[in-house]
């Protein structure tokens, strides 16, 4: 019964921003690679973060977001700092560095590993249960990344032929 509930893909409002985000990320990756900007990747990451902040600022002002800041606990500030430094800073910087040496299409494929890494971290750090559908999904993700990158395709075929 749980397996069938895992396949419930009913459309909701959350899918629209997710799809738009994917399209936005595609445009960003292609432009970053094609423009071949002559400044360091870290500087590009900084400017990208400033633009993101400026685009978000009207929503913060409209919703009076600053009023919630004193209500945040120290653990929530730590979470925000982690997101700012590692996810938005270091993560985007590494992404830009990868685009300097690889094609955007090849680098983009590695985004598909993100749910798999999140799944493994949830198991190891949060002691979440492993479901068969999640494990199968992880295997499919790994196979997809291998196929798209092409270099490990013979290895994949040898592994599948053994069974």
C-alpha atoms as a PDB file:
ATOM      1  CA  UNK A   1       0.000   0.000   0.000  1.00  0.00           C
ATOM      2  CA  UNK A   2       2.831   2.434   0.881  1.00  0.00           C
ATOM      3  CA  UNK A   3       4.445   1.681  -2.475  1.00  0.00           C
ATOM      4  CA  UNK A   4       1.335   2.826  -4.330  1.00  0.00           C
ATOM      5  CA  UNK A   5       1.149   6.030  -2.277  1.00  0.00           C
ATOM      6  CA  UNK A   6       4.751   6.786  -3.304  1.00  0.00           C
ATOM      7  CA  UNK A   7       3.604   7.118  -6.906  1.00  0.00           C
ATOM      8  CA  UNK A   8       0.988   9.812  -6.235  1.00  0.00           C
ATOM      9  CA  UNK A   9       2.018  12.572  -8.636  1.00  0.00           C
ATOM     10  CA  UNK A  10      -1.065  14.758  -8.349  1.00  0.00           C
ATOM     11  CA  UNK A  11      -0.428  18.203  -9.775  1.00  0.00           C
ATOM     12  CA  UNK A  12      -0.340  21.038  -7.283  1.00  0.00           C
ATOM     13  CA  UNK A  13       0.829  24.625  -7.113  1.00  0.00           C
ATOM     14  CA  UNK A  14       4.304  23.597  -5.929  1.00  0.00           C
ATOM     15  CA  UNK A  15       5.202  22.003  -9.260  1.00  0.00           C
ATOM     16  CA  UNK A  16       5.054  25.296 -11.163  1.00  0.00           C
ATOM     17  CA  UNK A  17       7.888  27.044  -9.259  1.00  0.00           C
ATOM     18  CA  UNK A  18       9.886  23.814  -9.370  1.00  0.00           C
ATOM     19  CA  UNK A  19       9.626  23.633 -13.165  1.00  0.00           C
ATOM     20  CA  UNK A  20      10.367  27.360 -13.509  1.00  0.00           C
ATOM     21  CA  UNK A  21      13.369  26.925 -11.224  1.00  0.00           C
ATOM     22  CA  UNK A  22      14.684  24.151 -13.457  1.00  0.00           C
ATOM     23  CA  UNK A  23      14.316  26.328 -16.541  1.00  0.00           C
ATOM     24  CA  UNK A  24      15.973  29.245 -14.720  1.00  0.00           C
ATOM     25  CA  UNK A  25      18.899  27.055 -13.662  1.00  0.00           C
ATOM     26  CA  UNK A  26      19.306  25.830 -17.241  1.00  0.00           C
ATOM     27  CA  UNK A  27      19.480  29.382 -18.589  1.00  0.00           C
ATOM     28  CA  UNK A  28      21.907  30.382 -15.810  1.00  0.00           C
ATOM     29  CA  UNK A  29      24.256  27.453 -16.494  1.00  0.00           C
ATOM     30  CA  UNK A  30      24.272  27.947 -20.252  1.00  0.00           C
ATOM     31  CA  UNK A  31      24.789  31.714 -19.985  1.00  0.00           C
ATOM     32  CA  UNK A  32      27.565  31.328 -17.413  1.00  0.00           C
ATOM     33  CA  UNK A  33      29.380  28.946 -19.750  1.00  0.00           C
ATOM     34  CA  UNK A  34      28.714  30.819 -23.021  1.00  0.00           C
ATOM     35  CA  UNK A  35      29.484  34.334 -21.767  1.00  0.00           C
ATOM     36  CA  UNK A  36      32.951  33.238 -20.631  1.00  0.00           C
ATOM     37  CA  UNK A  37      33.109  36.078 -18.094  1.00  0.00           C
ATOM     38  CA  UNK A  38      36.725  37.193 -17.539  1.00  0.00           C
ATOM     39  CA  UNK A  39      36.364  37.655 -13.760  1.00  0.00           C
ATOM     40  CA  UNK A  40      36.916  35.002 -11.070  1.00  0.00           C
ATOM     41  CA  UNK A  41      34.090  32.587 -10.332  1.00  0.00           C
ATOM     42  CA  UNK A  42      33.932  33.728  -6.713  1.00  0.00           C
ATOM     43  CA  UNK A  43      33.220  37.305  -7.840  1.00  0.00           C
ATOM     44  CA  UNK A  44      30.498  36.076 -10.221  1.00  0.00           C
ATOM     45  CA  UNK A  45      28.977  34.130  -7.319  1.00  0.00           C
ATOM     46  CA  UNK A  46      29.010  37.267  -5.164  1.00  0.00           C
ATOM     47  CA  UNK A  47      27.280  39.370  -7.830  1.00  0.00           C
ATOM     48  CA  UNK A  48      24.749  36.610  -8.457  1.00  0.00           C
ATOM     49  CA  UNK A  49      23.932  36.564  -4.736  1.00  0.00           C
ATOM     50  CA  UNK A  50      23.540  40.358  -4.670  1.00  0.00           C
ATOM     51  CA  UNK A  51      21.162  40.225  -7.647  1.00  0.00           C
ATOM     52  CA  UNK A  52      19.206  37.438  -5.945  1.00  0.00           C
ATOM     53  CA  UNK A  53      18.934  39.518  -2.791  1.00  0.00           C
ATOM     54  CA  UNK A  54      17.788  42.580  -4.728  1.00  0.00           C
ATOM     55  CA  UNK A  55      15.142  40.544  -6.551  1.00  0.00           C
ATOM     56  CA  UNK A  56      13.911  39.132  -3.235  1.00  0.00           C
ATOM     57  CA  UNK A  57      13.940  42.465  -1.408  1.00  0.00           C
ATOM     58  CA  UNK A  58      10.521  43.684  -2.663  1.00  0.00           C
ATOM     59  CA  UNK A  59       8.874  40.573  -1.229  1.00  0.00           C
ATOM     60  CA  UNK A  60      10.638  41.057   2.098  1.00  0.00           C
ATOM     61  CA  UNK A  61       9.497  44.683   2.213  1.00  0.00           C
ATOM     62  CA  UNK A  62       5.936  43.881   1.160  1.00  0.00           C
ATOM     63  CA  UNK A  63       5.582  41.150   3.805  1.00  0.00           C
ATOM     64  CA  UNK A  64       7.467  43.100   6.484  1.00  0.00           C
ATOM     65  CA  UNK A  65       9.912  40.214   6.831  1.00  0.00           C
ATOM     66  CA  UNK A  66      12.280  42.111   9.101  1.00  0.00           C
ATOM     67  CA  UNK A  67       9.681  41.899  11.892  1.00  0.00           C
ATOM     68  CA  UNK A  68      10.272  38.144  12.150  1.00  0.00           C
ATOM     69  CA  UNK A  69      14.046  38.397  12.558  1.00  0.00           C
ATOM     70  CA  UNK A  70      14.035  39.012  16.358  1.00  0.00           C
ATOM     71  CA  UNK A  71      11.851  35.911  16.770  1.00  0.00           C
ATOM     72  CA  UNK A  72      14.486  33.582  15.311  1.00  0.00           C
ATOM     73  CA  UNK A  73      16.300  31.302  17.737  1.00  0.00           C
ATOM     74  CA  UNK A  74      20.055  30.736  17.627  1.00  0.00           C
ATOM     75  CA  UNK A  75      19.632  27.364  15.894  1.00  0.00           C
ATOM     76  CA  UNK A  76      17.587  29.051  13.161  1.00  0.00           C
ATOM     77  CA  UNK A  77      20.299  31.691  12.701  1.00  0.00           C
ATOM     78  CA  UNK A  78      22.821  28.833  12.422  1.00  0.00           C
ATOM     79  CA  UNK A  79      20.670  27.218   9.730  1.00  0.00           C
ATOM     80  CA  UNK A  80      20.480  30.494   7.817  1.00  0.00           C
ATOM     81  CA  UNK A  81      24.244  30.973   8.104  1.00  0.00           C
ATOM     82  CA  UNK A  82      24.835  27.431   6.820  1.00  0.00           C
ATOM     83  CA  UNK A  83      22.530  28.052   3.854  1.00  0.00           C
ATOM     84  CA  UNK A  84      24.175  31.391   3.074  1.00  0.00           C
ATOM     85  CA  UNK A  85      27.784  30.218   3.326  1.00  0.00           C
ATOM     86  CA  UNK A  86      27.735  26.623   2.111  1.00  0.00           C
ATOM     87  CA  UNK A  87      24.671  26.288  -0.095  1.00  0.00           C
ATOM     88  CA  UNK A  88      24.554  29.724  -1.687  1.00  0.00           C
ATOM     89  CA  UNK A  89      28.236  30.597  -1.455  1.00  0.00           C
ATOM     90  CA  UNK A  90      30.434  27.538  -1.701  1.00  0.00           C
ATOM     91  CA  UNK A  91      27.923  25.504  -3.715  1.00  0.00           C
ATOM     92  CA  UNK A  92      27.485  28.118  -6.446  1.00  0.00           C
ATOM     93  CA  UNK A  93      31.207  28.802  -6.480  1.00  0.00           C
ATOM     94  CA  UNK A  94      31.967  25.118  -7.108  1.00  0.00           C
ATOM     95  CA  UNK A  95      29.254  25.072  -9.750  1.00  0.00           C
ATOM     96  CA  UNK A  96      30.906  27.968 -11.544  1.00  0.00           C
ATOM     97  CA  UNK A  97      34.326  26.326 -11.273  1.00  0.00           C
ATOM     98  CA  UNK A  98      32.902  23.123 -12.793  1.00  0.00           C
ATOM     99  CA  UNK A  99      31.437  25.132 -15.673  1.00  0.00           C
ATOM    100  CA  UNK A 100      34.899  26.541 -16.361  1.00  0.00           C
ATOM    101  CA  UNK A 101      36.241  23.083 -17.224  1.00  0.00           C
ATOM    102  CA  UNK A 102      33.200  21.096 -18.405  1.00  0.00           C
ATOM    103  CA  UNK A 103      30.250  21.634 -20.745  1.00  0.00           C
ATOM    104  CA  UNK A 104      27.081  22.962 -19.129  1.00  0.00           C
ATOM    105  CA  UNK A 105      25.139  19.874 -20.231  1.00  0.00           C
ATOM    106  CA  UNK A 106      27.630  17.569 -18.528  1.00  0.00           C
ATOM    107  CA  UNK A 107      27.788  19.596 -15.305  1.00  0.00           C
ATOM    108  CA  UNK A 108      23.975  19.833 -15.137  1.00  0.00           C
ATOM    109  CA  UNK A 109      23.628  16.072 -15.025  1.00  0.00           C
ATOM    110  CA  UNK A 110      25.242  16.002 -11.606  1.00  0.00           C
ATOM    111  CA  UNK A 111      22.289  17.941 -10.168  1.00  0.00           C
ATOM    112  CA  UNK A 112      20.399  14.672 -10.414  1.00  0.00           C
ATOM    113  CA  UNK A 113      22.688  13.260  -7.719  1.00  0.00           C
ATOM    114  CA  UNK A 114      21.374  15.826  -5.225  1.00  0.00           C
ATOM    115  CA  UNK A 115      18.272  13.812  -4.196  1.00  0.00           C
ATOM    116  CA  UNK A 116      20.439  10.712  -3.817  1.00  0.00           C
ATOM    117  CA  UNK A 117      22.917  12.530  -1.557  1.00  0.00           C
ATOM    118  CA  UNK A 118      20.010  13.985   0.425  1.00  0.00           C
ATOM    119  CA  UNK A 119      18.529  10.491   0.773  1.00  0.00           C
ATOM    120  CA  UNK A 120      21.839   9.058   2.033  1.00  0.00           C
ATOM    121  CA  UNK A 121      22.332  11.978   4.446  1.00  0.00           C
ATOM    122  CA  UNK A 122      18.790  11.489   5.803  1.00  0.00           C
ATOM    123  CA  UNK A 123      19.576   7.834   6.456  1.00  0.00           C
ATOM    124  CA  UNK A 124      22.935   8.499   8.098  1.00  0.00           C
ATOM    125  CA  UNK A 125      22.205  11.710   9.999  1.00  0.00           C
ATOM    126  CA  UNK A 126      18.467  11.577  10.661  1.00  0.00           C
ATOM    127  CA  UNK A 127      18.084   7.782  10.871  1.00  0.00           C
ATOM    128  CA  UNK A 128      15.281   7.761   8.303  1.00  0.00           C
ATOM    129  CA  UNK A 129      13.899   4.442   7.097  1.00  0.00           C
ATOM    130  CA  UNK A 130      14.962   3.069   3.726  1.00  0.00           C
ATOM    131  CA  UNK A 131      12.099   2.313   1.362  1.00  0.00           C
ATOM    132  CA  UNK A 132      12.453   0.062  -1.666  1.00  0.00           C
ATOM    133  CA  UNK A 133      11.136   2.761  -3.996  1.00  0.00           C
ATOM    134  CA  UNK A 134      13.822   5.184  -2.734  1.00  0.00           C
ATOM    135  CA  UNK A 135      16.596   2.649  -3.267  1.00  0.00           C
ATOM    136  CA  UNK A 136      15.352   1.859  -6.775  1.00  0.00           C
ATOM    137  CA  UNK A 137      15.159   5.588  -7.515  1.00  0.00           C
ATOM    138  CA  UNK A 138      18.744   6.028  -6.337  1.00  0.00           C
ATOM    139  CA  UNK A 139      19.948   3.238  -8.615  1.00  0.00           C
ATOM    140  CA  UNK A 140      18.089   4.768 -11.556  1.00  0.00           C
ATOM    141  CA  UNK A 141      19.680   8.174 -10.825  1.00  0.00           C
ATOM    142  CA  UNK A 142      23.184   6.673 -10.749  1.00  0.00           C
ATOM    143  CA  UNK A 143      22.544   4.774 -13.989  1.00  0.00           C
ATOM    144  CA  UNK A 144      21.213   7.924 -15.651  1.00  0.00           C
ATOM    145  CA  UNK A 145      24.246   9.986 -14.675  1.00  0.00           C
ATOM    146  CA  UNK A 146      26.536   7.210 -15.928  1.00  0.00           C
ATOM    147  CA  UNK A 147      24.684   6.962 -19.235  1.00  0.00           C
ATOM    148  CA  UNK A 148      24.703  10.706 -19.875  1.00  0.00           C
ATOM    149  CA  UNK A 149      28.388  11.037 -19.053  1.00  0.00           C
ATOM    150  CA  UNK A 150      29.094   8.129 -21.379  1.00  0.00           C
ATOM    151  CA  UNK A 151      32.541   7.280 -20.033  1.00  0.00           C
ATOM    152  CA  UNK A 152      31.259   4.682 -17.632  1.00  0.00           C
ATOM    153  CA  UNK A 153      28.700   3.261 -20.038  1.00  0.00           C
ATOM    154  CA  UNK A 154      30.755   0.074 -20.789  1.00  0.00           C
ATOM    155  CA  UNK A 155      31.131  -0.476 -17.025  1.00  0.00           C
ATOM    156  CA  UNK A 156      27.360  -0.207 -16.616  1.00  0.00           C
ATOM    157  CA  UNK A 157      26.747  -2.683 -19.434  1.00  0.00           C
ATOM    158  CA  UNK A 158      29.239  -5.170 -17.935  1.00  0.00           C
ATOM    159  CA  UNK A 159      27.535  -4.841 -14.548  1.00  0.00           C
ATOM    160  CA  UNK A 160      24.066  -5.413 -16.044  1.00  0.00           C
ATOM    161  CA  UNK A 161      25.319  -8.347 -18.169  1.00  0.00           C
ATOM    162  CA  UNK A 162      26.532 -10.222 -15.066  1.00  0.00           C
ATOM    163  CA  UNK A 163      23.020 -10.641 -13.714  1.00  0.00           C
END
